[in-house]
Amino acid sequence: MNHIKTCSFFAILYIMLMFFGVFIHSVLKITPEVGLNIVALIATTFVVIKLKYINFFESKLQLLFSIFGGGYTIITAYLMAVIFNSFTQPTINEGIVLFVFNTLVIYLTIQVVIKKT
């Protein structure tokens, strides 16, 4: 049950931060937009780890959560392309790169936060 809470909280918080990032971009014209995605990923992962619903000291859970987060970011990218006209749908290659890069960002964030505690 705690895994469901953790993944659900990650999904809700990440999508909220992405919408907030789109709002910030539209108001302040911050470029590149990729930076807002990275900030949203790091902040969301940090908050989820600090809630301590699941034990991130197990390497299997770190990897599974990172893969879940990477997959969810692809879904969010497609969702943003459907909702906003200024977004384009990622191609298959862009989706793979997005998945790998965001999975690594989440995994490295988990590693850094765990090392600090």
N, C-alpha and C. Protein backbone atom coordinates (compact mmCIF):
# COMPACT_ATOMS: atom_id res chain seq x y z
N MET A 1 0.82 -1.19 0.00
CA MET A 1 0.00 0.00 0.00
C MET A 1 0.87 1.26 0.00
N ASN A 2 2.00 1.20 0.69
CA ASN A 2 2.87 2.37 0.74
C ASN A 2 3.48 2.68 -0.62
N HIS A 3 3.69 1.66 -1.45
CA HIS A 3 4.22 1.89 -2.79
C HIS A 3 3.21 2.67 -3.63
N ILE A 4 1.94 2.34 -3.46
CA ILE A 4 0.89 3.04 -4.19
C ILE A 4 0.83 4.50 -3.74
N LYS A 5 0.93 4.73 -2.42
CA LYS A 5 0.93 6.10 -1.90
C LYS A 5 2.10 6.89 -2.46
N THR A 6 3.26 6.28 -2.46
CA THR A 6 4.46 6.96 -2.93
C THR A 6 4.37 7.31 -4.41
N CYS A 7 3.98 6.34 -5.22
CA CYS A 7 3.87 6.59 -6.66
C CYS A 7 2.76 7.58 -6.97
N SER A 8 1.66 7.50 -6.27
CA SER A 8 0.56 8.44 -6.49
C SER A 8 0.97 9.86 -6.10
N PHE A 9 1.64 9.99 -4.97
CA PHE A 9 2.08 11.31 -4.54
C PHE A 9 3.10 11.88 -5.53
N PHE A 10 4.00 11.04 -6.02
CA PHE A 10 4.96 11.49 -7.02
C PHE A 10 4.24 11.98 -8.27
N ALA A 11 3.27 11.21 -8.73
CA ALA A 11 2.55 11.57 -9.96
C ALA A 11 1.80 12.88 -9.80
N ILE A 12 1.11 13.06 -8.70
CA ILE A 12 0.33 14.28 -8.48
C ILE A 12 1.24 15.48 -8.32
N LEU A 13 2.27 15.35 -7.51
CA LEU A 13 3.18 16.48 -7.27
C LEU A 13 3.95 16.85 -8.53
N TYR A 14 4.39 15.87 -9.29
CA TYR A 14 5.15 16.15 -10.51
C TYR A 14 4.28 16.87 -11.54
N ILE A 15 3.05 16.41 -11.73
CA ILE A 15 2.19 17.06 -12.73
C ILE A 15 1.85 18.48 -12.28
N MET A 16 1.65 18.69 -10.98
CA MET A 16 1.39 20.04 -10.47
C MET A 16 2.59 20.94 -10.71
N LEU A 17 3.79 20.45 -10.44
CA LEU A 17 4.98 21.26 -10.66
C LEU A 17 5.22 21.52 -12.15
N MET A 18 4.86 20.58 -13.00
CA MET A 18 5.02 20.81 -14.44
C MET A 18 4.05 21.90 -14.92
N PHE A 19 2.81 21.86 -14.44
CA PHE A 19 1.87 22.93 -14.81
C PHE A 19 2.34 24.28 -14.27
N PHE A 20 2.88 24.28 -13.06
CA PHE A 20 3.43 25.51 -12.49
C PHE A 20 4.63 25.97 -13.31
N GLY A 21 5.46 25.03 -13.78
CA GLY A 21 6.59 25.37 -14.64
C GLY A 21 6.16 25.98 -15.96
N VAL A 22 5.07 25.46 -16.52
CA VAL A 22 4.54 26.03 -17.77
C VAL A 22 4.06 27.45 -17.51
N PHE A 23 3.41 27.66 -16.36
CA PHE A 23 2.95 29.00 -16.01
C PHE A 23 4.14 29.95 -15.84
N ILE A 24 5.18 29.51 -15.14
CA ILE A 24 6.38 30.34 -14.95
C ILE A 24 7.00 30.66 -16.30
N HIS A 25 7.06 29.67 -17.18
CA HIS A 25 7.65 29.90 -18.50
C HIS A 25 6.84 30.92 -19.30
N SER A 26 5.53 30.83 -19.20
CA SER A 26 4.70 31.77 -19.96
C SER A 26 4.80 33.19 -19.40
N VAL A 27 5.01 33.34 -18.12
CA VAL A 27 5.10 34.67 -17.51
C VAL A 27 6.51 35.25 -17.62
N LEU A 28 7.50 34.45 -17.24
CA LEU A 28 8.88 34.95 -17.18
C LEU A 28 9.72 34.64 -18.40
N LYS A 29 9.22 33.81 -19.30
CA LYS A 29 9.94 33.42 -20.52
C LYS A 29 11.32 32.80 -20.22
N ILE A 30 11.35 31.94 -19.21
CA ILE A 30 12.59 31.25 -18.85
C ILE A 30 12.90 30.21 -19.92
N THR A 31 14.12 30.23 -20.42
CA THR A 31 14.56 29.22 -21.37
C THR A 31 15.85 28.62 -20.86
N PRO A 32 16.16 27.39 -21.06
CA PRO A 32 15.33 26.38 -21.71
C PRO A 32 14.30 25.81 -20.75
N GLU A 33 13.26 25.29 -21.31
CA GLU A 33 12.18 24.69 -20.51
C GLU A 33 12.62 23.38 -19.86
N VAL A 34 13.68 22.79 -20.39
CA VAL A 34 14.19 21.53 -19.84
C VAL A 34 14.62 21.73 -18.39
N GLY A 35 15.14 22.90 -18.08
CA GLY A 35 15.57 23.19 -16.71
C GLY A 35 14.41 23.13 -15.73
N LEU A 36 13.23 23.57 -16.16
CA LEU A 36 12.06 23.49 -15.29
C LEU A 36 11.66 22.04 -15.03
N ASN A 37 11.83 21.17 -16.04
CA ASN A 37 11.55 19.75 -15.87
C ASN A 37 12.50 19.12 -14.85
N ILE A 38 13.77 19.46 -14.94
CA ILE A 38 14.75 18.90 -14.03
C ILE A 38 14.49 19.36 -12.60
N VAL A 39 14.18 20.63 -12.44
CA VAL A 39 13.85 21.16 -11.11
C VAL A 39 12.62 20.46 -10.55
N ALA A 40 11.60 20.25 -11.38
CA ALA A 40 10.40 19.56 -10.93
C ALA A 40 10.71 18.11 -10.53
N LEU A 41 11.54 17.44 -11.30
CA LEU A 41 11.92 16.05 -10.97
C LEU A 41 12.67 15.97 -9.65
N ILE A 42 13.65 16.83 -9.49
CA ILE A 42 14.47 16.80 -8.27
C ILE A 42 13.62 17.16 -7.05
N ALA A 43 12.81 18.19 -7.17
CA ALA A 43 11.97 18.60 -6.04
C ALA A 43 10.96 17.51 -5.67
N THR A 44 10.34 16.92 -6.66
CA THR A 44 9.36 15.87 -6.41
C THR A 44 10.01 14.65 -5.77
N THR A 45 11.13 14.24 -6.30
CA THR A 45 11.83 13.08 -5.74
C THR A 45 12.29 13.35 -4.32
N PHE A 46 12.79 14.54 -4.06
CA PHE A 46 13.23 14.92 -2.72
C PHE A 46 12.07 14.86 -1.72
N VAL A 47 10.93 15.41 -2.09
CA VAL A 47 9.78 15.41 -1.19
C VAL A 47 9.29 13.99 -0.94
N VAL A 48 9.25 13.17 -1.98
CA VAL A 48 8.79 11.79 -1.82
C VAL A 48 9.72 11.01 -0.90
N ILE A 49 11.01 11.22 -1.03
CA ILE A 49 11.96 10.51 -0.16
C ILE A 49 11.80 10.96 1.29
N LYS A 50 11.61 12.26 1.50
CA LYS A 50 11.47 12.78 2.85
C LYS A 50 10.19 12.34 3.53
N LEU A 51 9.15 11.96 2.77
CA LEU A 51 7.91 11.45 3.37
C LEU A 51 8.10 10.08 4.00
N LYS A 52 9.07 9.32 3.51
CA LYS A 52 9.45 8.01 4.05
C LYS A 52 8.30 7.00 4.07
N TYR A 53 7.48 7.01 3.01
CA TYR A 53 6.46 5.98 2.88
C TYR A 53 7.08 4.62 2.62
N ILE A 54 8.16 4.60 1.82
CA ILE A 54 8.86 3.35 1.54
C ILE A 54 10.34 3.53 1.87
N ASN A 55 11.02 2.41 2.04
CA ASN A 55 12.42 2.42 2.41
C ASN A 55 13.28 2.47 1.14
N PHE A 56 13.85 3.63 0.87
CA PHE A 56 14.66 3.79 -0.33
C PHE A 56 16.09 3.28 -0.16
N PHE A 57 16.39 2.65 0.97
CA PHE A 57 17.73 2.11 1.15
C PHE A 57 17.91 0.80 0.40
N GLU A 58 16.82 0.19 -0.05
CA GLU A 58 16.91 -1.01 -0.86
C GLU A 58 17.17 -0.61 -2.31
N SER A 59 18.21 -1.17 -2.89
CA SER A 59 18.59 -0.78 -4.25
C SER A 59 17.52 -1.16 -5.29
N LYS A 60 16.80 -2.25 -5.03
CA LYS A 60 15.75 -2.67 -5.95
C LYS A 60 14.63 -1.62 -6.00
N LEU A 61 14.25 -1.09 -4.85
CA LEU A 61 13.21 -0.06 -4.81
C LEU A 61 13.67 1.24 -5.45
N GLN A 62 14.94 1.57 -5.28
CA GLN A 62 15.47 2.77 -5.93
C GLN A 62 15.36 2.66 -7.44
N LEU A 63 15.74 1.53 -7.97
CA LEU A 63 15.70 1.31 -9.41
C LEU A 63 14.26 1.28 -9.93
N LEU A 64 13.38 0.56 -9.24
CA LEU A 64 11.99 0.47 -9.68
C LEU A 64 11.30 1.83 -9.63
N PHE A 65 11.55 2.59 -8.58
CA PHE A 65 10.94 3.91 -8.48
C PHE A 65 11.48 4.84 -9.56
N SER A 66 12.77 4.74 -9.86
CA SER A 66 13.37 5.56 -10.91
C SER A 66 12.76 5.22 -12.27
N ILE A 67 12.56 3.94 -12.53
CA ILE A 67 11.94 3.52 -13.79
C ILE A 67 10.49 4.00 -13.86
N PHE A 68 9.77 3.89 -12.76
CA PHE A 68 8.40 4.41 -12.72
C PHE A 68 8.38 5.91 -13.02
N GLY A 69 9.26 6.65 -12.36
CA GLY A 69 9.31 8.10 -12.57
C GLY A 69 9.68 8.46 -14.00
N GLY A 70 10.63 7.74 -14.59
CA GLY A 70 11.01 7.99 -15.97
C GLY A 70 9.86 7.72 -16.93
N GLY A 71 9.14 6.64 -16.69
CA GLY A 71 7.97 6.34 -17.52
C GLY A 71 6.87 7.36 -17.36
N TYR A 72 6.68 7.83 -16.14
CA TYR A 72 5.64 8.82 -15.90
C TYR A 72 5.97 10.15 -16.57
N THR A 73 7.25 10.48 -16.66
CA THR A 73 7.62 11.74 -17.32
C THR A 73 7.30 11.69 -18.82
N ILE A 74 7.40 10.51 -19.42
CA ILE A 74 7.02 10.38 -20.84
C ILE A 74 5.51 10.58 -20.99
N ILE A 75 4.74 9.98 -20.10
CA ILE A 75 3.29 10.16 -20.13
C ILE A 75 2.94 11.63 -19.95
N THR A 76 3.64 12.31 -19.06
CA THR A 76 3.40 13.73 -18.83
C THR A 76 3.76 14.56 -20.06
N ALA A 77 4.84 14.19 -20.74
CA ALA A 77 5.22 14.91 -21.96
C ALA A 77 4.14 14.80 -23.03
N TYR A 78 3.58 13.61 -23.19
CA TYR A 78 2.49 13.43 -24.15
C TYR A 78 1.24 14.19 -23.71
N LEU A 79 0.96 14.18 -22.42
CA LEU A 79 -0.19 14.91 -21.89
C LEU A 79 -0.04 16.41 -22.11
N MET A 80 1.14 16.93 -21.89
CA MET A 80 1.39 18.36 -22.11
C MET A 80 1.22 18.71 -23.60
N ALA A 81 1.64 17.81 -24.48
CA ALA A 81 1.49 18.06 -25.91
C ALA A 81 0.02 18.09 -26.32
N VAL A 82 -0.80 17.30 -25.65
CA VAL A 82 -2.23 17.28 -25.97
C VAL A 82 -2.91 18.54 -25.42
N ILE A 83 -2.52 18.97 -24.23
CA ILE A 83 -3.19 20.10 -23.58
C ILE A 83 -2.75 21.44 -24.16
N PHE A 84 -1.45 21.62 -24.37
CA PHE A 84 -0.92 22.90 -24.79
C PHE A 84 -0.49 22.86 -26.26
N ASN A 85 -0.86 23.87 -27.01
CA ASN A 85 -0.50 23.94 -28.42
C ASN A 85 0.99 24.19 -28.63
N SER A 86 1.64 24.82 -27.68
CA SER A 86 3.06 25.15 -27.85
C SER A 86 3.97 23.93 -27.65
N PHE A 87 3.46 22.84 -27.10
CA PHE A 87 4.25 21.63 -26.91
C PHE A 87 4.08 20.72 -28.12
N THR A 88 5.14 20.04 -28.46
CA THR A 88 5.07 19.05 -29.52
C THR A 88 5.24 17.66 -28.91
N GLN A 89 4.57 16.69 -29.53
CA GLN A 89 4.71 15.33 -29.03
C GLN A 89 6.13 14.83 -29.30
N PRO A 90 6.72 14.18 -28.30
CA PRO A 90 8.06 13.64 -28.53
C PRO A 90 8.01 12.46 -29.49
N THR A 91 9.04 12.36 -30.33
CA THR A 91 9.16 11.20 -31.22
C THR A 91 9.61 10.01 -30.38
N ILE A 92 9.70 8.85 -31.02
CA ILE A 92 10.13 7.64 -30.30
C ILE A 92 11.55 7.84 -29.74
N ASN A 93 12.45 8.38 -30.56
CA ASN A 93 13.83 8.59 -30.09
C ASN A 93 13.87 9.60 -28.95
N GLU A 94 13.10 10.68 -29.08
CA GLU A 94 13.06 11.67 -28.00
C GLU A 94 12.45 11.07 -26.74
N GLY A 95 11.47 10.21 -26.89
CA GLY A 95 10.86 9.54 -25.75
C GLY A 95 11.84 8.64 -25.03
N ILE A 96 12.67 7.93 -25.79
CA ILE A 96 13.68 7.06 -25.19
C ILE A 96 14.72 7.88 -24.44
N VAL A 97 15.17 8.95 -25.06
CA VAL A 97 16.15 9.83 -24.41
C VAL A 97 15.54 10.46 -23.16
N LEU A 98 14.30 10.91 -23.26
CA LEU A 98 13.60 11.49 -22.12
C LEU A 98 13.49 10.49 -20.98
N PHE A 99 13.13 9.26 -21.31
CA PHE A 99 13.01 8.22 -20.29
C PHE A 99 14.34 7.96 -19.60
N VAL A 100 15.39 7.75 -20.38
CA VAL A 100 16.70 7.44 -19.81
C VAL A 100 17.22 8.60 -18.97
N PHE A 101 17.15 9.81 -19.50
CA PHE A 101 17.67 10.97 -18.79
C PHE A 101 16.91 11.21 -17.49
N ASN A 102 15.58 11.19 -17.54
CA ASN A 102 14.80 11.44 -16.33
C ASN A 102 14.94 10.32 -15.30
N THR A 103 15.08 9.09 -15.78
CA THR A 103 15.33 7.98 -14.86
C THR A 103 16.65 8.17 -14.14
N LEU A 104 17.67 8.60 -14.87
CA LEU A 104 18.97 8.86 -14.24
C LEU A 104 18.90 10.02 -13.25
N VAL A 105 18.16 11.06 -13.59
CA VAL A 105 18.02 12.20 -12.67
C VAL A 105 17.35 11.75 -11.37
N ILE A 106 16.30 10.96 -11.48
CA ILE A 106 15.61 10.47 -10.28
C ILE A 106 16.53 9.56 -9.47
N TYR A 107 17.22 8.65 -10.15
CA TYR A 107 18.10 7.72 -9.45
C TYR A 107 19.23 8.46 -8.73
N LEU A 108 19.84 9.42 -9.42
CA LEU A 108 20.92 10.19 -8.79
C LEU A 108 20.42 11.05 -7.65
N THR A 109 19.23 11.58 -7.76
CA THR A 109 18.64 12.34 -6.66
C THR A 109 18.44 11.46 -5.44
N ILE A 110 17.93 10.25 -5.66
CA ILE A 110 17.76 9.31 -4.55
C ILE A 110 19.10 9.02 -3.89
N GLN A 111 20.13 8.78 -4.71
CA GLN A 111 21.45 8.48 -4.17
C GLN A 111 22.00 9.65 -3.34
N VAL A 112 21.86 10.86 -3.84
CA VAL A 112 22.39 12.03 -3.13
C VAL A 112 21.65 12.24 -1.81
N VAL A 113 20.33 12.12 -1.84
CA VAL A 113 19.55 12.35 -0.61
C VAL A 113 19.85 11.27 0.41
N ILE A 114 19.99 10.04 -0.02
CA ILE A 114 20.29 8.95 0.92
C ILE A 114 21.69 9.12 1.51
N LYS A 115 22.65 9.55 0.70
CA LYS A 115 24.01 9.76 1.21
C LYS A 115 24.06 10.87 2.25
N LYS A 116 23.18 11.89 2.09
CA LYS A 116 23.16 13.01 3.03
C LYS A 116 22.55 12.64 4.36
N THR A 117 21.67 11.58 4.39
CA THR A 117 21.00 11.24 5.63
C THR A 117 21.70 10.20 6.42
